Amino acid sequence: MKASRIQAVDHVNLEAPPRLEDKLVWFYTEVGRLDRVVDEREEPFRLCFGSAGLELRIRIVGTPRIDPLPRRLTLAVPSLAQVAELLEERRVRYVRLSGLWFTDSRLATLDPAGHRVELKQEWPLL
């Protein structure tokens, strides 16, 4: 399966509490299909994932700022069906959202730290 893309104007920076690193790595590499990136700044306790020149950076802090209501990140994934299957296997709750067109379907879920993430399927241009 091909990799996913982060949809953002600039790099995305999130915070997460300690002891969630393994769950966050699973979520963003398996569900989000992002590549793990080594951050050259070597800032401690930072997880980095990347796609198409953009990075998702997660700082591990004692008291993170997390607001699950606004969408924090949209990932364009190759297959919503495969993402839904992965989430169901791990018993991760998600909501299916639909727009006016059948190609405007999304899954909304929370990452292991509680940030709202929307996943949408990429469709080829006709």
N, C-alpha and C. Protein backbone atom coordinates (compact mmCIF):
# COMPACT_ATOMS: atom_id res chain seq x y z
N MET A 1 0.85 -1.17 0.00
CA MET A 1 0.00 0.00 0.00
C MET A 1 0.90 1.23 0.00
N LYS A 2 0.51 2.23 -0.80
CA LYS A 2 1.33 3.43 -0.85
C LYS A 2 1.19 4.24 0.43
N ALA A 3 2.12 5.17 0.63
CA ALA A 3 2.12 5.99 1.84
C ALA A 3 1.02 7.03 1.81
N SER A 4 0.75 7.60 2.96
CA SER A 4 -0.25 8.64 3.09
C SER A 4 0.40 10.01 2.99
N ARG A 5 -0.44 11.05 3.00
CA ARG A 5 0.07 12.41 2.96
C ARG A 5 -0.53 13.20 4.11
N ILE A 6 0.30 14.04 4.71
CA ILE A 6 -0.19 15.01 5.68
C ILE A 6 -0.75 16.17 4.88
N GLN A 7 -1.95 16.61 5.22
CA GLN A 7 -2.53 17.78 4.56
C GLN A 7 -2.47 18.95 5.51
N ALA A 8 -1.55 19.86 5.25
CA ALA A 8 -1.35 21.01 6.13
C ALA A 8 -0.62 22.09 5.36
N VAL A 9 -0.67 23.29 5.86
CA VAL A 9 0.05 24.41 5.27
C VAL A 9 1.51 24.38 5.71
N ASP A 10 1.75 23.94 6.93
CA ASP A 10 3.09 23.91 7.50
C ASP A 10 3.21 22.66 8.36
N HIS A 11 4.36 22.44 8.96
CA HIS A 11 4.53 21.31 9.85
C HIS A 11 3.47 21.36 10.96
N VAL A 12 3.09 20.20 11.45
CA VAL A 12 2.10 20.09 12.52
C VAL A 12 2.84 19.73 13.80
N ASN A 13 2.61 20.49 14.86
CA ASN A 13 3.24 20.24 16.15
C ASN A 13 2.17 19.90 17.18
N LEU A 14 2.30 18.74 17.81
CA LEU A 14 1.37 18.30 18.85
C LEU A 14 2.16 17.96 20.11
N GLU A 15 1.45 17.84 21.21
CA GLU A 15 2.05 17.40 22.46
C GLU A 15 1.33 16.15 22.94
N ALA A 16 2.05 15.33 23.68
CA ALA A 16 1.48 14.10 24.23
C ALA A 16 2.12 13.82 25.58
N PRO A 17 1.38 13.12 26.45
CA PRO A 17 1.95 12.77 27.76
C PRO A 17 2.94 11.61 27.63
N PRO A 18 3.78 11.43 28.63
CA PRO A 18 4.74 10.32 28.61
C PRO A 18 4.04 8.96 28.56
N ARG A 19 4.77 7.94 28.16
CA ARG A 19 4.34 6.54 28.13
C ARG A 19 3.34 6.22 27.02
N LEU A 20 3.17 7.12 26.06
CA LEU A 20 2.30 6.82 24.91
C LEU A 20 3.08 6.67 23.62
N GLU A 21 4.41 6.73 23.70
CA GLU A 21 5.22 6.73 22.49
C GLU A 21 4.93 5.53 21.59
N ASP A 22 4.89 4.31 22.13
CA ASP A 22 4.64 3.12 21.31
C ASP A 22 3.27 3.17 20.65
N LYS A 23 2.26 3.61 21.38
CA LYS A 23 0.91 3.70 20.81
C LYS A 23 0.85 4.76 19.72
N LEU A 24 1.54 5.89 19.93
CA LEU A 24 1.56 6.94 18.91
C LEU A 24 2.30 6.47 17.66
N VAL A 25 3.41 5.76 17.84
CA VAL A 25 4.14 5.22 16.68
C VAL A 25 3.24 4.25 15.92
N TRP A 26 2.52 3.35 16.61
CA TRP A 26 1.60 2.44 15.93
C TRP A 26 0.54 3.23 15.17
N PHE A 27 -0.08 4.19 15.82
CA PHE A 27 -1.18 4.94 15.20
C PHE A 27 -0.72 5.65 13.93
N TYR A 28 0.37 6.37 14.01
CA TYR A 28 0.77 7.18 12.86
C TYR A 28 1.51 6.40 11.77
N THR A 29 2.14 5.26 12.10
CA THR A 29 2.79 4.46 11.05
C THR A 29 1.84 3.43 10.46
N GLU A 30 1.02 2.79 11.28
CA GLU A 30 0.12 1.75 10.76
C GLU A 30 -1.22 2.31 10.28
N VAL A 31 -1.87 3.10 11.09
CA VAL A 31 -3.16 3.67 10.70
C VAL A 31 -2.94 4.83 9.72
N GLY A 32 -2.09 5.77 10.09
CA GLY A 32 -1.84 6.93 9.25
C GLY A 32 -0.93 6.70 8.07
N ARG A 33 -0.22 5.55 8.06
CA ARG A 33 0.69 5.18 6.98
C ARG A 33 1.76 6.24 6.71
N LEU A 34 2.25 6.89 7.78
CA LEU A 34 3.30 7.88 7.66
C LEU A 34 4.65 7.24 7.93
N ASP A 35 5.68 7.81 7.36
CA ASP A 35 7.04 7.34 7.61
C ASP A 35 7.57 7.99 8.87
N ARG A 36 8.32 7.23 9.64
CA ARG A 36 9.00 7.78 10.82
C ARG A 36 10.19 8.57 10.32
N VAL A 37 10.42 9.76 10.88
CA VAL A 37 11.49 10.65 10.45
C VAL A 37 12.41 10.91 11.63
N VAL A 38 13.71 10.95 11.38
CA VAL A 38 14.66 11.31 12.41
C VAL A 38 14.79 12.83 12.40
N ASP A 39 14.57 13.45 13.56
CA ASP A 39 14.67 14.90 13.67
C ASP A 39 16.13 15.26 13.92
N GLU A 40 16.71 16.01 12.98
CA GLU A 40 18.14 16.34 13.08
C GLU A 40 18.47 17.22 14.27
N ARG A 41 17.48 17.88 14.87
CA ARG A 41 17.77 18.72 16.04
C ARG A 41 17.98 17.89 17.29
N GLU A 42 17.64 16.60 17.22
CA GLU A 42 17.86 15.70 18.36
C GLU A 42 17.24 16.23 19.66
N GLU A 43 16.13 16.93 19.54
CA GLU A 43 15.43 17.39 20.74
C GLU A 43 14.89 16.15 21.46
N PRO A 44 15.12 16.03 22.75
CA PRO A 44 14.69 14.80 23.43
C PRO A 44 13.17 14.67 23.48
N PHE A 45 12.73 13.43 23.50
CA PHE A 45 11.33 13.08 23.65
C PHE A 45 10.47 13.64 22.53
N ARG A 46 10.92 13.54 21.33
CA ARG A 46 10.16 14.03 20.19
C ARG A 46 9.98 12.88 19.20
N LEU A 47 8.75 12.69 18.75
CA LEU A 47 8.45 11.74 17.70
C LEU A 47 8.18 12.53 16.43
N CYS A 48 8.74 12.10 15.32
CA CYS A 48 8.51 12.80 14.06
C CYS A 48 8.07 11.81 12.99
N PHE A 49 7.10 12.25 12.20
CA PHE A 49 6.59 11.46 11.08
C PHE A 49 6.51 12.41 9.90
N GLY A 50 6.68 11.91 8.68
CA GLY A 50 6.69 12.82 7.55
C GLY A 50 6.05 12.27 6.31
N SER A 51 5.69 13.22 5.42
CA SER A 51 5.19 12.88 4.10
C SER A 51 5.25 14.13 3.23
N ALA A 52 5.69 13.98 2.00
CA ALA A 52 5.68 15.05 1.00
C ALA A 52 6.22 16.37 1.53
N GLY A 53 7.34 16.32 2.25
CA GLY A 53 7.96 17.54 2.72
C GLY A 53 7.39 18.14 3.99
N LEU A 54 6.32 17.57 4.52
CA LEU A 54 5.73 18.05 5.77
C LEU A 54 6.02 17.07 6.89
N GLU A 55 6.09 17.58 8.10
CA GLU A 55 6.33 16.72 9.25
C GLU A 55 5.24 16.89 10.30
N LEU A 56 4.95 15.81 10.98
CA LEU A 56 4.13 15.81 12.18
C LEU A 56 5.12 15.58 13.31
N ARG A 57 5.21 16.54 14.22
CA ARG A 57 6.16 16.46 15.34
C ARG A 57 5.37 16.37 16.64
N ILE A 58 5.70 15.40 17.45
CA ILE A 58 5.01 15.21 18.73
C ILE A 58 6.03 15.33 19.85
N ARG A 59 5.85 16.33 20.69
CA ARG A 59 6.70 16.51 21.87
C ARG A 59 6.05 15.79 23.04
N ILE A 60 6.84 15.04 23.77
CA ILE A 60 6.36 14.35 24.96
C ILE A 60 6.62 15.28 26.14
N VAL A 61 5.54 15.72 26.80
CA VAL A 61 5.65 16.65 27.92
C VAL A 61 4.77 16.18 29.07
N GLY A 62 5.12 16.61 30.27
CA GLY A 62 4.39 16.20 31.47
C GLY A 62 2.93 16.61 31.46
N THR A 63 2.64 17.83 31.05
CA THR A 63 1.26 18.32 30.99
C THR A 63 1.00 18.84 29.57
N PRO A 64 0.58 17.96 28.66
CA PRO A 64 0.39 18.38 27.27
C PRO A 64 -0.87 19.25 27.10
N ARG A 65 -0.84 20.07 26.07
CA ARG A 65 -2.02 20.84 25.68
C ARG A 65 -2.74 20.04 24.61
N ILE A 66 -3.91 19.50 24.97
CA ILE A 66 -4.67 18.67 24.04
C ILE A 66 -6.11 19.17 24.06
N ASP A 67 -6.61 19.50 22.88
CA ASP A 67 -8.01 19.89 22.73
C ASP A 67 -8.62 18.96 21.68
N PRO A 68 -9.41 17.96 22.10
CA PRO A 68 -9.91 16.96 21.16
C PRO A 68 -11.03 17.47 20.25
N LEU A 69 -11.56 18.66 20.49
CA LEU A 69 -12.69 19.13 19.69
C LEU A 69 -12.30 19.62 18.30
N PRO A 70 -11.36 20.56 18.16
CA PRO A 70 -11.03 20.97 16.80
C PRO A 70 -10.19 19.90 16.10
N ARG A 71 -10.31 19.83 14.80
CA ARG A 71 -9.48 18.89 14.04
C ARG A 71 -8.06 19.39 14.11
N ARG A 72 -7.15 18.54 14.48
CA ARG A 72 -5.74 18.91 14.58
C ARG A 72 -4.95 18.48 13.36
N LEU A 73 -5.45 17.47 12.65
CA LEU A 73 -4.66 16.90 11.57
C LEU A 73 -5.57 16.15 10.61
N THR A 74 -5.32 16.31 9.32
CA THR A 74 -5.99 15.51 8.30
C THR A 74 -4.93 14.70 7.57
N LEU A 75 -5.17 13.41 7.45
CA LEU A 75 -4.28 12.53 6.70
C LEU A 75 -5.03 11.99 5.50
N ALA A 76 -4.45 12.13 4.32
CA ALA A 76 -5.02 11.55 3.10
C ALA A 76 -4.44 10.15 2.97
N VAL A 77 -5.28 9.14 3.12
CA VAL A 77 -4.83 7.74 3.14
C VAL A 77 -5.25 7.03 1.86
N PRO A 78 -4.56 5.95 1.49
CA PRO A 78 -4.92 5.23 0.27
C PRO A 78 -6.27 4.52 0.35
N SER A 79 -6.69 4.05 1.54
CA SER A 79 -7.92 3.28 1.65
C SER A 79 -8.59 3.48 3.01
N LEU A 80 -9.79 4.07 3.00
CA LEU A 80 -10.54 4.21 4.25
C LEU A 80 -10.99 2.86 4.78
N ALA A 81 -11.28 1.93 3.89
CA ALA A 81 -11.72 0.60 4.32
C ALA A 81 -10.61 -0.08 5.13
N GLN A 82 -9.37 0.02 4.67
CA GLN A 82 -8.26 -0.59 5.40
C GLN A 82 -8.01 0.11 6.74
N VAL A 83 -8.16 1.43 6.76
CA VAL A 83 -8.00 2.17 8.01
C VAL A 83 -9.08 1.76 9.00
N ALA A 84 -10.34 1.68 8.54
CA ALA A 84 -11.43 1.27 9.41
C ALA A 84 -11.18 -0.13 9.98
N GLU A 85 -10.67 -1.02 9.15
CA GLU A 85 -10.37 -2.38 9.60
C GLU A 85 -9.30 -2.37 10.70
N LEU A 86 -8.24 -1.60 10.51
CA LEU A 86 -7.19 -1.49 11.54
C LEU A 86 -7.74 -0.93 12.85
N LEU A 87 -8.54 0.12 12.75
CA LEU A 87 -9.11 0.73 13.95
C LEU A 87 -10.02 -0.25 14.68
N GLU A 88 -10.83 -1.00 13.93
CA GLU A 88 -11.72 -1.98 14.54
C GLU A 88 -10.95 -3.11 15.20
N GLU A 89 -9.86 -3.57 14.56
CA GLU A 89 -9.04 -4.63 15.15
C GLU A 89 -8.50 -4.22 16.52
N ARG A 90 -8.12 -2.96 16.65
CA ARG A 90 -7.57 -2.44 17.91
C ARG A 90 -8.64 -1.84 18.82
N ARG A 91 -9.90 -1.93 18.40
CA ARG A 91 -11.03 -1.38 19.16
C ARG A 91 -10.88 0.12 19.43
N VAL A 92 -10.41 0.82 18.40
CA VAL A 92 -10.29 2.27 18.45
C VAL A 92 -11.59 2.85 17.89
N ARG A 93 -12.24 3.68 18.67
CA ARG A 93 -13.51 4.27 18.24
C ARG A 93 -13.27 5.31 17.15
N TYR A 94 -14.19 5.34 16.19
CA TYR A 94 -14.13 6.34 15.13
C TYR A 94 -15.55 6.63 14.66
N VAL A 95 -15.69 7.74 13.97
CA VAL A 95 -16.97 8.14 13.40
C VAL A 95 -16.77 8.32 11.90
N ARG A 96 -17.72 7.83 11.12
CA ARG A 96 -17.66 8.01 9.67
C ARG A 96 -18.41 9.29 9.33
N LEU A 97 -17.76 10.20 8.59
CA LEU A 97 -18.36 11.46 8.18
C LEU A 97 -18.54 11.46 6.67
N SER A 98 -19.62 12.03 6.19
CA SER A 98 -19.88 12.08 4.76
C SER A 98 -20.21 13.50 4.32
N GLY A 99 -19.72 13.85 3.14
CA GLY A 99 -20.03 15.14 2.55
C GLY A 99 -21.09 14.97 1.47
N LEU A 100 -21.13 15.91 0.57
CA LEU A 100 -22.13 15.87 -0.50
C LEU A 100 -21.80 14.84 -1.58
N TRP A 101 -20.54 14.55 -1.78
CA TRP A 101 -20.11 13.61 -2.81
C TRP A 101 -19.61 12.33 -2.15
N PHE A 102 -19.70 11.22 -2.87
CA PHE A 102 -19.26 9.97 -2.27
C PHE A 102 -17.75 9.98 -2.01
N THR A 103 -17.02 10.81 -2.75
CA THR A 103 -15.57 10.89 -2.52
C THR A 103 -15.23 11.74 -1.30
N ASP A 104 -16.22 12.39 -0.71
CA ASP A 104 -15.98 13.22 0.48
C ASP A 104 -16.41 12.46 1.73
N SER A 105 -15.77 11.33 1.93
CA SER A 105 -16.03 10.49 3.10
C SER A 105 -14.78 10.51 3.96
N ARG A 106 -14.96 10.58 5.28
CA ARG A 106 -13.84 10.65 6.20
C ARG A 106 -14.10 9.78 7.42
N LEU A 107 -13.03 9.45 8.11
CA LEU A 107 -13.12 8.83 9.42
C LEU A 107 -12.52 9.82 10.40
N ALA A 108 -13.22 10.06 11.49
CA ALA A 108 -12.70 10.94 12.54
C ALA A 108 -12.46 10.09 13.78
N THR A 109 -11.29 10.25 14.37
CA THR A 109 -10.94 9.48 15.55
C THR A 109 -10.01 10.32 16.42
N LEU A 110 -9.65 9.80 17.56
CA LEU A 110 -8.66 10.44 18.41
C LEU A 110 -7.39 9.61 18.38
N ASP A 111 -6.24 10.27 18.31
CA ASP A 111 -5.00 9.53 18.40
C ASP A 111 -4.81 9.10 19.86
N PRO A 112 -3.82 8.27 20.17
CA PRO A 112 -3.65 7.80 21.54
C PRO A 112 -3.49 8.90 22.59
N ALA A 113 -3.06 10.10 22.18
CA ALA A 113 -2.92 11.21 23.13
C ALA A 113 -4.22 12.01 23.27
N GLY A 114 -5.19 11.77 22.37
CA GLY A 114 -6.46 12.46 22.45
C GLY A 114 -6.66 13.58 21.43
N HIS A 115 -5.74 13.74 20.46
CA HIS A 115 -5.89 14.73 19.42
C HIS A 115 -6.85 14.20 18.35
N ARG A 116 -7.74 15.07 17.85
CA ARG A 116 -8.67 14.65 16.81
C ARG A 116 -7.93 14.59 15.47
N VAL A 117 -8.08 13.46 14.81
CA VAL A 117 -7.45 13.22 13.51
C VAL A 117 -8.55 12.80 12.55
N GLU A 118 -8.56 13.42 11.36
CA GLU A 118 -9.48 12.98 10.32
C GLU A 118 -8.67 12.31 9.23
N LEU A 119 -9.19 11.18 8.76
CA LEU A 119 -8.55 10.43 7.70
C LEU A 119 -9.48 10.44 6.50
N LYS A 120 -8.96 10.82 5.34
CA LYS A 120 -9.79 10.81 4.14
C LYS A 120 -9.06 10.07 3.04
N GLN A 121 -9.83 9.46 2.16
CA GLN A 121 -9.23 8.67 1.10
C GLN A 121 -8.85 9.57 -0.06
N GLU A 122 -7.68 9.32 -0.61
CA GLU A 122 -7.25 10.04 -1.80
C GLU A 122 -7.87 9.36 -3.01
N TRP A 123 -8.42 10.16 -3.89
CA TRP A 123 -9.02 9.64 -5.12
C TRP A 123 -8.21 10.15 -6.30
N PRO A 124 -7.98 9.28 -7.30
CA PRO A 124 -7.23 9.74 -8.48
C PRO A 124 -8.04 10.78 -9.26
N LEU A 125 -7.32 11.73 -9.84
CA LEU A 125 -7.98 12.73 -10.68
C LEU A 125 -8.38 12.07 -11.99
N LEU A 126 -9.57 12.35 -12.43
CA LEU A 126 -10.04 11.74 -13.69
C LEU A 126 -9.75 12.64 -14.86
